[in-house]
């Protein structure tokens, strides 16, 4: 299956499992803003086919880079980073996964980042959905505090609400698998083909 076909199939899974649309009442987002649409990516990122597609697509993005690890703020980034790690190992170029904690524990090692990453490693920060970019920026800052070299950001879905522009103030390279516009086009196509809402 080509990368384009993988993205198309992934879009179908997201539309089926992770996308909700409501004119009234609108959804309340983590930022407190209201929106007519909502993405809950976990039913896709925790799905066997979804994980496989995501891992393969992101590996294709990173296979010719020097990036040795990928991860982001728990919980959204975790299954994506793990999918990439498994696929990359199977493809013969392992890329480690790591977790950025939201809150550092006050016991044990008190690590902000969990995983086999060392200062100086070139890494990618991953997120499932970007709206304002806040959680992605938190992960970037935390990774840099630990001495990691943040080379780029990869997001599963860009809601196209300014998050990408905010992130670009911290990292000069950001890649998106699917945008809100692409998902909405897929939804419109599905409605036109099947006459459903």
N, C-alpha and C. Protein backbone atom coordinates (compact mmCIF):
# COMPACT_ATOMS: atom_id res chain seq x y z
N UNK A 1 0.85 -1.19 0.00
CA UNK A 1 0.00 0.00 0.00
C UNK A 1 0.89 1.25 0.00
N UNK A 2 0.59 2.21 -0.86
CA UNK A 2 1.37 3.44 -0.93
C UNK A 2 1.05 4.32 0.28
N UNK A 3 1.94 5.29 0.56
CA UNK A 3 1.71 6.21 1.67
C UNK A 3 0.41 6.99 1.48
N UNK A 4 0.13 7.41 0.25
CA UNK A 4 -1.12 8.14 -0.01
C UNK A 4 -2.34 7.28 0.31
N UNK A 5 -2.29 6.00 -0.06
CA UNK A 5 -3.40 5.09 0.24
C UNK A 5 -3.52 4.86 1.75
N UNK A 6 -2.36 4.78 2.41
CA UNK A 6 -2.36 4.62 3.87
C UNK A 6 -3.04 5.83 4.54
N UNK A 7 -2.69 7.03 4.07
CA UNK A 7 -3.30 8.25 4.63
C UNK A 7 -4.80 8.27 4.38
N UNK A 8 -5.19 7.85 3.21
CA UNK A 8 -6.62 7.81 2.88
C UNK A 8 -7.37 6.85 3.80
N UNK A 9 -6.80 5.67 3.99
CA UNK A 9 -7.43 4.68 4.88
C UNK A 9 -7.44 5.18 6.32
N UNK A 10 -6.34 5.80 6.75
CA UNK A 10 -6.27 6.35 8.10
C UNK A 10 -7.34 7.42 8.28
N UNK A 11 -7.54 8.25 7.27
CA UNK A 11 -8.59 9.27 7.32
C UNK A 11 -9.96 8.65 7.50
N UNK A 12 -10.20 7.54 6.83
CA UNK A 12 -11.48 6.83 6.97
C UNK A 12 -11.69 6.33 8.39
N UNK A 13 -10.62 5.79 8.99
CA UNK A 13 -10.70 5.28 10.36
C UNK A 13 -10.96 6.43 11.33
N UNK A 14 -10.25 7.54 11.13
CA UNK A 14 -10.44 8.72 11.99
C UNK A 14 -11.88 9.21 11.89
N UNK A 15 -12.39 9.29 10.68
CA UNK A 15 -13.77 9.75 10.47
C UNK A 15 -14.77 8.82 11.17
N UNK A 16 -14.50 7.54 11.09
CA UNK A 16 -15.40 6.54 11.68
C UNK A 16 -15.31 6.49 13.19
N UNK A 17 -14.10 6.59 13.74
CA UNK A 17 -13.90 6.33 15.17
C UNK A 17 -13.58 7.56 16.02
N UNK A 18 -12.99 8.59 15.41
CA UNK A 18 -12.40 9.66 16.21
C UNK A 18 -12.95 11.06 15.96
N UNK A 19 -13.87 11.19 15.03
CA UNK A 19 -14.37 12.51 14.66
C UNK A 19 -15.85 12.66 15.01
N UNK A 20 -16.18 13.76 15.65
CA UNK A 20 -17.57 14.06 15.99
C UNK A 20 -17.89 15.46 15.48
N UNK A 21 -19.11 15.62 14.97
CA UNK A 21 -19.55 16.93 14.48
C UNK A 21 -20.92 17.24 15.07
N UNK A 22 -21.08 18.45 15.58
CA UNK A 22 -22.36 18.85 16.17
C UNK A 22 -22.57 20.35 15.98
N UNK A 23 -23.69 20.69 15.34
CA UNK A 23 -24.03 22.11 15.18
C UNK A 23 -24.46 22.71 16.53
N UNK A 24 -25.27 21.92 17.26
CA UNK A 24 -25.79 22.41 18.52
C UNK A 24 -26.05 21.24 19.46
N UNK A 25 -25.45 21.17 20.64
CA UNK A 25 -24.53 22.17 21.16
C UNK A 25 -23.11 21.91 20.65
N UNK A 26 -22.29 22.93 20.62
CA UNK A 26 -20.90 22.72 20.21
C UNK A 26 -20.10 22.04 21.33
N UNK A 27 -18.95 21.50 20.96
CA UNK A 27 -18.07 20.84 21.94
C UNK A 27 -17.21 21.89 22.64
N UNK A 28 -16.88 21.62 23.89
CA UNK A 28 -15.93 22.47 24.62
C UNK A 28 -14.56 21.80 24.53
N UNK A 29 -13.57 22.52 24.04
CA UNK A 29 -12.22 22.00 23.88
C UNK A 29 -11.41 22.17 25.15
N UNK A 30 -10.24 21.53 25.20
CA UNK A 30 -9.35 21.64 26.36
C UNK A 30 -8.99 23.10 26.64
N UNK A 31 -8.91 23.89 25.58
CA UNK A 31 -8.57 25.32 25.72
C UNK A 31 -9.73 26.14 26.28
N UNK A 32 -10.92 25.52 26.36
CA UNK A 32 -12.10 26.23 26.82
C UNK A 32 -12.94 26.80 25.68
N UNK A 33 -12.36 26.81 24.48
CA UNK A 33 -13.08 27.32 23.32
C UNK A 33 -14.16 26.33 22.89
N UNK A 34 -15.15 26.86 22.18
CA UNK A 34 -16.23 26.03 21.65
C UNK A 34 -15.95 25.70 20.19
N UNK A 35 -16.37 24.51 19.77
CA UNK A 35 -16.15 24.09 18.39
C UNK A 35 -17.26 23.16 17.95
N UNK A 36 -17.58 23.18 16.66
CA UNK A 36 -18.60 22.29 16.11
C UNK A 36 -18.07 20.88 15.86
N UNK A 37 -16.77 20.72 15.92
CA UNK A 37 -16.20 19.39 15.67
C UNK A 37 -15.17 19.05 16.73
N UNK A 38 -15.00 17.76 16.93
CA UNK A 38 -14.13 17.29 18.00
C UNK A 38 -13.39 16.04 17.54
N UNK A 39 -12.10 16.00 17.82
CA UNK A 39 -11.29 14.82 17.52
C UNK A 39 -10.87 14.15 18.83
N UNK A 40 -11.26 12.91 18.99
CA UNK A 40 -10.73 12.07 20.07
C UNK A 40 -9.95 10.96 19.38
N UNK A 41 -8.64 11.14 19.29
CA UNK A 41 -7.83 10.25 18.45
C UNK A 41 -7.57 8.87 19.06
N UNK A 42 -7.81 8.71 20.35
CA UNK A 42 -7.45 7.44 20.99
C UNK A 42 -8.13 6.22 20.38
N UNK A 43 -9.42 6.28 19.99
CA UNK A 43 -10.00 5.10 19.33
C UNK A 43 -9.30 4.73 18.02
N UNK A 44 -8.59 5.68 17.41
CA UNK A 44 -7.81 5.39 16.20
C UNK A 44 -6.39 4.97 16.55
N UNK A 45 -5.74 5.72 17.45
CA UNK A 45 -4.33 5.44 17.76
C UNK A 45 -4.15 4.16 18.58
N UNK A 46 -5.24 3.69 19.19
CA UNK A 46 -5.18 2.43 19.95
C UNK A 46 -5.78 1.26 19.18
N UNK A 47 -6.19 1.50 17.94
CA UNK A 47 -6.74 0.46 17.08
C UNK A 47 -5.60 -0.24 16.34
N UNK A 48 -5.61 -1.57 16.22
CA UNK A 48 -4.50 -2.26 15.55
C UNK A 48 -4.20 -1.75 14.14
N UNK A 49 -5.23 -1.59 13.32
CA UNK A 49 -4.99 -1.09 11.96
C UNK A 49 -4.54 0.37 11.99
N UNK A 50 -5.19 1.16 12.83
CA UNK A 50 -4.80 2.57 12.96
C UNK A 50 -3.36 2.72 13.38
N UNK A 51 -2.94 1.96 14.39
CA UNK A 51 -1.55 2.01 14.87
C UNK A 51 -0.58 1.64 13.77
N UNK A 52 -0.90 0.58 13.03
CA UNK A 52 -0.03 0.10 11.97
C UNK A 52 0.15 1.17 10.89
N UNK A 53 -0.96 1.79 10.50
CA UNK A 53 -0.91 2.84 9.47
C UNK A 53 -0.11 4.05 9.96
N UNK A 54 -0.40 4.49 11.18
CA UNK A 54 0.30 5.65 11.75
C UNK A 54 1.79 5.38 11.85
N UNK A 55 2.16 4.21 12.36
CA UNK A 55 3.57 3.86 12.48
C UNK A 55 4.29 3.86 11.14
N UNK A 56 3.64 3.30 10.13
CA UNK A 56 4.24 3.22 8.80
C UNK A 56 4.38 4.60 8.16
N UNK A 57 3.36 5.44 8.31
CA UNK A 57 3.39 6.79 7.72
C UNK A 57 4.48 7.63 8.38
N UNK A 58 4.57 7.59 9.71
CA UNK A 58 5.58 8.40 10.39
C UNK A 58 6.98 7.86 10.13
N UNK A 59 7.11 6.54 10.05
CA UNK A 59 8.42 5.98 9.72
C UNK A 59 8.88 6.48 8.35
N UNK A 60 7.96 6.55 7.40
CA UNK A 60 8.30 7.05 6.07
C UNK A 60 8.80 8.50 6.15
N UNK A 61 8.22 9.30 7.06
CA UNK A 61 8.65 10.68 7.24
C UNK A 61 10.06 10.79 7.84
N UNK A 62 10.44 9.79 8.65
CA UNK A 62 11.68 9.87 9.41
C UNK A 62 12.81 8.97 8.91
N UNK A 63 12.52 8.08 7.98
CA UNK A 63 13.50 7.04 7.62
C UNK A 63 14.82 7.60 7.07
N UNK A 64 14.78 8.77 6.47
CA UNK A 64 16.01 9.35 5.90
C UNK A 64 16.58 10.47 6.77
N UNK A 65 16.19 10.50 8.03
CA UNK A 65 16.70 11.52 8.96
C UNK A 65 17.66 10.87 9.96
N UNK A 66 18.23 11.71 10.83
CA UNK A 66 19.12 11.22 11.89
C UNK A 66 18.38 11.09 13.22
N UNK A 67 17.08 11.17 13.19
CA UNK A 67 16.29 11.09 14.42
C UNK A 67 16.35 9.68 14.99
N UNK A 68 16.65 9.60 16.29
CA UNK A 68 16.81 8.31 16.96
C UNK A 68 15.67 7.99 17.92
N UNK A 69 14.81 8.98 18.21
CA UNK A 69 13.72 8.75 19.15
C UNK A 69 12.58 9.72 18.87
N UNK A 70 11.38 9.31 19.28
CA UNK A 70 10.19 10.15 19.09
C UNK A 70 9.24 9.93 20.26
N UNK A 71 8.62 11.02 20.70
CA UNK A 71 7.67 10.92 21.79
C UNK A 71 7.05 12.28 22.04
N UNK A 72 6.21 12.34 23.06
CA UNK A 72 5.56 13.60 23.37
C UNK A 72 4.83 13.51 24.69
N UNK A 73 3.99 14.50 24.92
CA UNK A 73 3.28 14.60 26.18
C UNK A 73 2.29 13.44 26.31
N UNK A 74 2.39 12.75 27.45
CA UNK A 74 1.44 11.66 27.70
C UNK A 74 0.05 12.27 27.86
N UNK A 75 -0.93 11.74 27.32
CA UNK A 75 -1.24 10.41 26.87
C UNK A 75 -1.38 10.37 25.34
N UNK A 76 -1.65 11.52 24.74
CA UNK A 76 -1.96 11.54 23.31
C UNK A 76 -0.86 11.00 22.43
N UNK A 77 0.40 11.30 22.78
CA UNK A 77 1.53 10.91 21.94
C UNK A 77 1.94 9.45 22.12
N UNK A 78 1.60 8.86 23.26
CA UNK A 78 2.16 7.54 23.62
C UNK A 78 1.90 6.43 22.60
N UNK A 79 0.63 6.17 22.22
CA UNK A 79 0.42 5.08 21.26
C UNK A 79 1.03 5.37 19.89
N UNK A 80 1.12 6.65 19.51
CA UNK A 80 1.70 7.01 18.21
C UNK A 80 3.20 6.72 18.22
N UNK A 81 3.88 7.16 19.29
CA UNK A 81 5.33 6.91 19.41
C UNK A 81 5.62 5.42 19.48
N UNK A 82 4.78 4.67 20.19
CA UNK A 82 4.98 3.23 20.30
C UNK A 82 4.76 2.53 18.96
N UNK A 83 3.75 2.97 18.21
CA UNK A 83 3.50 2.39 16.88
C UNK A 83 4.70 2.62 15.97
N UNK A 84 5.24 3.85 16.00
CA UNK A 84 6.43 4.16 15.20
C UNK A 84 7.60 3.29 15.61
N UNK A 85 7.79 3.12 16.90
CA UNK A 85 8.92 2.34 17.41
C UNK A 85 8.87 0.89 16.91
N UNK A 86 7.69 0.28 16.99
CA UNK A 86 7.54 -1.11 16.54
C UNK A 86 7.78 -1.22 15.03
N UNK A 87 7.14 -0.36 14.25
CA UNK A 87 7.29 -0.41 12.79
C UNK A 87 8.74 -0.15 12.39
N UNK A 88 9.38 0.84 13.04
CA UNK A 88 10.77 1.17 12.68
C UNK A 88 11.71 -0.01 12.95
N UNK A 89 11.45 -0.73 14.03
CA UNK A 89 12.27 -1.92 14.34
C UNK A 89 12.07 -2.99 13.26
N UNK A 90 10.81 -3.19 12.87
CA UNK A 90 10.52 -4.18 11.83
C UNK A 90 11.15 -3.81 10.49
N UNK A 91 11.30 -2.50 10.25
CA UNK A 91 11.88 -2.02 8.98
C UNK A 91 13.41 -1.95 9.04
N UNK A 92 13.99 -2.28 10.19
CA UNK A 92 15.46 -2.34 10.28
C UNK A 92 16.15 -1.04 10.64
N UNK A 93 15.35 -0.01 11.03
CA UNK A 93 15.96 1.26 11.48
C UNK A 93 15.22 1.72 12.73
N UNK A 94 15.56 1.11 13.89
CA UNK A 94 14.81 1.39 15.11
C UNK A 94 14.82 2.86 15.54
N UNK A 95 13.64 3.37 15.86
CA UNK A 95 13.47 4.70 16.43
C UNK A 95 12.77 4.49 17.77
N UNK A 96 13.46 4.87 18.83
CA UNK A 96 12.94 4.62 20.18
C UNK A 96 11.75 5.53 20.48
N UNK A 97 10.89 5.06 21.39
CA UNK A 97 9.79 5.92 21.86
C UNK A 97 10.11 6.39 23.27
N UNK A 98 9.57 7.55 23.63
CA UNK A 98 9.71 8.05 24.99
C UNK A 98 8.44 8.79 25.37
N UNK A 99 8.28 9.00 26.67
CA UNK A 99 7.10 9.67 27.22
C UNK A 99 7.54 10.92 27.95
N UNK A 100 6.84 12.02 27.70
CA UNK A 100 7.04 13.25 28.47
C UNK A 100 5.92 13.32 29.49
N UNK A 101 6.27 13.31 30.75
CA UNK A 101 5.25 13.35 31.81
C UNK A 101 4.60 14.73 31.89
N UNK A 102 3.31 14.74 32.18
CA UNK A 102 2.62 16.01 32.44
C UNK A 102 3.05 16.55 33.80
N UNK A 103 3.16 15.65 34.77
CA UNK A 103 3.59 16.03 36.12
C UNK A 103 4.73 15.12 36.53
N UNK A 104 5.80 15.72 37.01
CA UNK A 104 6.95 14.93 37.45
C UNK A 104 6.63 14.35 38.83
N UNK A 105 6.85 13.04 38.96
CA UNK A 105 6.58 12.38 40.24
C UNK A 105 7.53 12.90 41.31
N UNK A 106 7.05 12.92 42.57
CA UNK A 106 7.92 13.38 43.66
C UNK A 106 8.62 12.21 44.35
N UNK A 107 8.60 11.05 43.69
CA UNK A 107 9.31 9.89 44.25
C UNK A 107 10.02 9.15 43.11
N UNK A 108 10.76 8.11 43.48
CA UNK A 108 11.50 7.34 42.47
C UNK A 108 12.59 8.19 41.82
N UNK A 109 12.72 8.07 40.51
CA UNK A 109 13.79 8.79 39.79
C UNK A 109 13.43 10.25 39.53
N UNK A 110 12.15 10.60 39.65
CA UNK A 110 11.65 11.96 39.41
C UNK A 110 11.96 12.44 37.99
N UNK A 111 11.94 11.51 37.04
CA UNK A 111 12.22 11.86 35.65
C UNK A 111 11.04 12.56 35.00
N UNK A 112 11.34 13.58 34.21
CA UNK A 112 10.32 14.25 33.41
C UNK A 112 10.07 13.47 32.13
N UNK A 113 11.10 12.74 31.70
CA UNK A 113 11.00 11.95 30.47
C UNK A 113 11.34 10.50 30.78
N UNK A 114 10.48 9.60 30.32
CA UNK A 114 10.70 8.16 30.50
C UNK A 114 11.05 7.54 29.15
N UNK A 115 12.11 6.77 29.12
CA UNK A 115 12.55 6.11 27.90
C UNK A 115 14.06 6.12 27.83
N UNK A 116 14.60 5.38 26.89
CA UNK A 116 16.05 5.24 26.75
C UNK A 116 16.63 6.32 25.85
N UNK A 117 16.47 7.57 26.26
CA UNK A 117 17.01 8.68 25.48
C UNK A 117 18.08 9.40 26.30
N UNK A 118 19.08 9.90 25.59
CA UNK A 118 20.21 10.55 26.24
C UNK A 118 20.38 11.98 25.73
N UNK A 119 20.92 12.87 26.55
CA UNK A 119 21.18 14.23 26.09
C UNK A 119 21.96 14.23 24.78
N UNK A 120 21.57 15.13 23.89
CA UNK A 120 22.24 15.24 22.59
C UNK A 120 21.56 14.46 21.47
N UNK A 121 20.67 13.53 21.82
CA UNK A 121 19.99 12.77 20.77
C UNK A 121 19.05 13.66 19.98
N UNK A 122 18.98 13.38 18.67
CA UNK A 122 18.07 14.10 17.79
C UNK A 122 16.71 13.40 17.83
N UNK A 123 15.70 14.18 18.19
CA UNK A 123 14.38 13.57 18.41
C UNK A 123 13.28 14.32 17.67
N UNK A 124 12.13 13.63 17.55
CA UNK A 124 10.90 14.25 17.04
C UNK A 124 9.90 14.28 18.18
N UNK A 125 9.20 15.39 18.30
CA UNK A 125 8.09 15.50 19.25
C UNK A 125 6.81 15.16 18.48
N UNK A 126 5.98 14.32 19.09
CA UNK A 126 4.76 13.84 18.46
C UNK A 126 3.55 14.31 19.26
N UNK A 127 2.46 14.60 18.56
CA UNK A 127 1.19 14.90 19.22
C UNK A 127 0.07 14.33 18.37
N UNK A 128 -1.07 14.02 19.01
CA UNK A 128 -2.18 13.47 18.23
C UNK A 128 -2.97 14.58 17.53
N UNK A 129 -3.32 15.64 18.27
CA UNK A 129 -4.08 16.75 17.70
C UNK A 129 -3.46 18.06 18.15
N UNK A 130 -3.28 19.00 17.22
CA UNK A 130 -2.87 20.33 17.65
C UNK A 130 -4.00 21.32 17.38
N UNK A 131 -4.28 22.11 18.40
CA UNK A 131 -5.26 23.19 18.30
C UNK A 131 -4.50 24.49 18.51
N UNK A 132 -4.13 24.77 19.77
CA UNK A 132 -3.31 25.95 20.06
C UNK A 132 -1.82 25.61 20.03
N UNK A 133 -1.50 24.31 20.15
CA UNK A 133 -0.11 23.87 20.18
C UNK A 133 0.48 23.83 21.58
N UNK A 134 -0.33 24.14 22.59
CA UNK A 134 0.17 24.24 23.96
C UNK A 134 0.85 22.98 24.49
N UNK A 135 0.21 21.82 24.33
CA UNK A 135 0.80 20.59 24.87
C UNK A 135 2.06 20.20 24.10
N UNK A 136 2.08 20.49 22.81
CA UNK A 136 3.27 20.19 22.00
C UNK A 136 4.43 21.07 22.45
N UNK A 137 4.16 22.33 22.69
CA UNK A 137 5.20 23.27 23.13
C UNK A 137 5.73 22.87 24.51
N UNK A 138 4.84 22.42 25.39
CA UNK A 138 5.27 21.92 26.70
C UNK A 138 6.24 20.76 26.54
N UNK A 139 5.91 19.83 25.64
CA UNK A 139 6.79 18.68 25.39
C UNK A 139 8.14 19.11 24.81
N UNK A 140 8.13 20.07 23.91
CA UNK A 140 9.37 20.59 23.32
C UNK A 140 10.26 21.18 24.41
N UNK A 141 9.67 22.00 25.24
CA UNK A 141 10.44 22.67 26.31
C UNK A 141 11.01 21.66 27.29
N UNK A 142 10.20 20.66 27.65
CA UNK A 142 10.65 19.64 28.61
C UNK A 142 11.79 18.81 28.00
N UNK A 143 11.66 18.45 26.73
CA UNK A 143 12.71 17.67 26.06
C UNK A 143 14.01 18.45 26.02
N UNK A 144 13.91 19.73 25.73
CA UNK A 144 15.14 20.57 25.67
C UNK A 144 15.78 20.71 27.05
N UNK A 145 14.95 20.79 28.10
CA UNK A 145 15.51 20.85 29.46
C UNK A 145 16.33 19.61 29.77
N UNK A 146 15.94 18.49 29.17
CA UNK A 146 16.66 17.22 29.39
C UNK A 146 17.84 17.06 28.43
N UNK A 147 18.10 18.09 27.62
CA UNK A 147 19.27 18.06 26.74
C UNK A 147 19.04 17.40 25.40
N UNK A 148 17.79 17.11 25.06
CA UNK A 148 17.48 16.49 23.78
C UNK A 148 17.41 17.55 22.68
N UNK A 149 17.81 17.17 21.48
CA UNK A 149 17.79 18.08 20.34
C UNK A 149 16.50 17.87 19.55
N UNK A 150 15.55 18.80 19.69
CA UNK A 150 14.25 18.67 19.03
C UNK A 150 14.40 19.13 17.58
N UNK A 151 14.31 18.17 16.66
CA UNK A 151 14.53 18.46 15.24
C UNK A 151 13.24 18.81 14.51
N UNK A 152 12.15 18.15 14.90
CA UNK A 152 10.88 18.44 14.25
C UNK A 152 9.71 17.96 15.10
N UNK A 153 8.53 18.39 14.69
CA UNK A 153 7.27 17.99 15.33
C UNK A 153 6.44 17.28 14.28
N UNK A 154 5.80 16.19 14.71
CA UNK A 154 4.86 15.48 13.84
C UNK A 154 3.53 15.39 14.58
N UNK A 155 2.47 15.79 13.89
CA UNK A 155 1.14 15.69 14.49
C UNK A 155 0.23 14.85 13.60
N UNK A 156 -0.62 14.07 14.23
CA UNK A 156 -1.57 13.25 13.49
C UNK A 156 -2.60 14.16 12.80
N UNK A 157 -3.18 15.10 13.56
CA UNK A 157 -4.20 16.00 12.99
C UNK A 157 -3.90 17.44 13.39
N UNK A 158 -3.93 18.32 12.42
CA UNK A 158 -3.84 19.75 12.65
C UNK A 158 -5.24 20.33 12.48
N UNK A 159 -5.79 20.88 13.57
CA UNK A 159 -7.12 21.48 13.51
C UNK A 159 -7.12 22.81 12.76
N UNK A 160 -5.93 23.29 12.39
CA UNK A 160 -5.77 24.53 11.61
C UNK A 160 -6.38 25.73 12.35
N UNK A 161 -6.02 25.85 13.63
CA UNK A 161 -6.53 26.95 14.45
C UNK A 161 -5.39 27.75 15.08
N UNK A 162 -4.24 27.79 14.41
CA UNK A 162 -3.12 28.60 14.90
C UNK A 162 -2.05 27.83 15.64
N UNK A 163 -2.32 26.57 15.96
CA UNK A 163 -1.34 25.78 16.69
C UNK A 163 -0.03 25.59 15.94
N UNK A 164 -0.13 25.32 14.66
CA UNK A 164 1.07 25.10 13.84
C UNK A 164 1.96 26.34 13.88
N UNK A 165 1.35 27.51 13.73
CA UNK A 165 2.10 28.76 13.75
C UNK A 165 2.77 28.98 15.11
N UNK A 166 2.06 28.64 16.19
CA UNK A 166 2.64 28.76 17.54
C UNK A 166 3.83 27.83 17.72
N UNK A 167 3.69 26.60 17.24
CA UNK A 167 4.78 25.62 17.36
C UNK A 167 6.00 26.05 16.55
N UNK A 168 5.75 26.63 15.38
CA UNK A 168 6.86 27.06 14.52
C UNK A 168 7.72 28.15 15.16
N UNK A 169 7.23 28.76 16.22
CA UNK A 169 8.06 29.72 16.96
C UNK A 169 9.09 29.00 17.84
N UNK A 170 8.92 27.68 18.01
CA UNK A 170 9.81 26.89 18.86
C UNK A 170 10.64 25.87 18.07
N UNK A 171 10.07 25.37 16.98
CA UNK A 171 10.73 24.37 16.13
C UNK A 171 10.46 24.78 14.68
N UNK A 172 11.48 24.69 13.85
CA UNK A 172 11.33 25.19 12.47
C UNK A 172 10.75 24.18 11.49
N UNK A 173 10.49 22.96 11.96
CA UNK A 173 10.00 21.93 11.06
C UNK A 173 8.82 21.21 11.70
N UNK A 174 7.67 21.25 11.05
CA UNK A 174 6.50 20.54 11.55
C UNK A 174 5.85 19.81 10.39
N UNK A 175 5.50 18.55 10.62
CA UNK A 175 4.83 17.73 9.60
C UNK A 175 3.49 17.27 10.15
N UNK A 176 2.49 17.28 9.29
CA UNK A 176 1.14 16.88 9.67
C UNK A 176 0.71 15.71 8.79
N UNK A 177 0.11 14.70 9.41
CA UNK A 177 -0.40 13.57 8.62
C UNK A 177 -1.70 13.98 7.94
N UNK A 178 -2.65 14.53 8.71
CA UNK A 178 -3.93 14.96 8.14
C UNK A 178 -4.36 16.29 8.77
N UNK A 179 -5.04 17.11 7.98
CA UNK A 179 -5.56 18.37 8.48
C UNK A 179 -7.08 18.27 8.65
N UNK A 180 -7.63 19.22 9.42
CA UNK A 180 -9.08 19.30 9.56
C UNK A 180 -9.75 19.42 8.19
N UNK A 181 -9.16 20.23 7.31
CA UNK A 181 -9.72 20.41 5.97
C UNK A 181 -9.83 19.07 5.24
N UNK A 182 -8.77 18.26 5.32
CA UNK A 182 -8.78 16.96 4.64
C UNK A 182 -9.84 16.03 5.23
N UNK A 183 -9.98 16.05 6.54
CA UNK A 183 -11.00 15.22 7.20
C UNK A 183 -12.40 15.69 6.80
N UNK A 184 -12.60 17.00 6.75
CA UNK A 184 -13.92 17.54 6.36
C UNK A 184 -14.25 17.20 4.91
N UNK A 185 -13.25 17.20 4.05
CA UNK A 185 -13.46 16.80 2.64
C UNK A 185 -13.87 15.33 2.56
N UNK A 186 -13.21 14.51 3.35
CA UNK A 186 -13.54 13.08 3.39
C UNK A 186 -14.96 12.88 3.90
N UNK A 187 -15.34 13.67 4.91
CA UNK A 187 -16.70 13.59 5.46
C UNK A 187 -17.73 13.98 4.40
N UNK A 188 -17.45 15.07 3.69
CA UNK A 188 -18.37 15.54 2.64
C UNK A 188 -18.51 14.49 1.54
N UNK A 189 -17.40 13.87 1.18
CA UNK A 189 -17.41 12.82 0.15
C UNK A 189 -18.26 11.63 0.61
N UNK A 190 -18.11 11.27 1.89
CA UNK A 190 -18.86 10.15 2.45
C UNK A 190 -20.36 10.47 2.46
N UNK A 191 -20.70 11.70 2.84
CA UNK A 191 -22.11 12.12 2.86
C UNK A 191 -22.69 12.09 1.45
N UNK A 192 -21.94 12.62 0.50
CA UNK A 192 -22.41 12.64 -0.90
C UNK A 192 -22.59 11.23 -1.47
N UNK A 193 -21.66 10.34 -1.11
CA UNK A 193 -21.71 8.96 -1.65
C UNK A 193 -22.83 8.14 -1.02
N UNK A 194 -23.06 8.35 0.30
CA UNK A 194 -24.01 7.49 1.00
C UNK A 194 -25.26 8.20 1.45
N UNK A 195 -25.28 9.53 1.29
CA UNK A 195 -26.45 10.28 1.72
C UNK A 195 -26.68 10.25 3.21
N UNK A 196 -25.57 10.16 3.97
CA UNK A 196 -25.70 10.12 5.44
C UNK A 196 -25.13 11.39 6.05
N UNK A 197 -25.49 11.62 7.32
CA UNK A 197 -25.00 12.81 8.03
C UNK A 197 -23.90 12.42 8.98
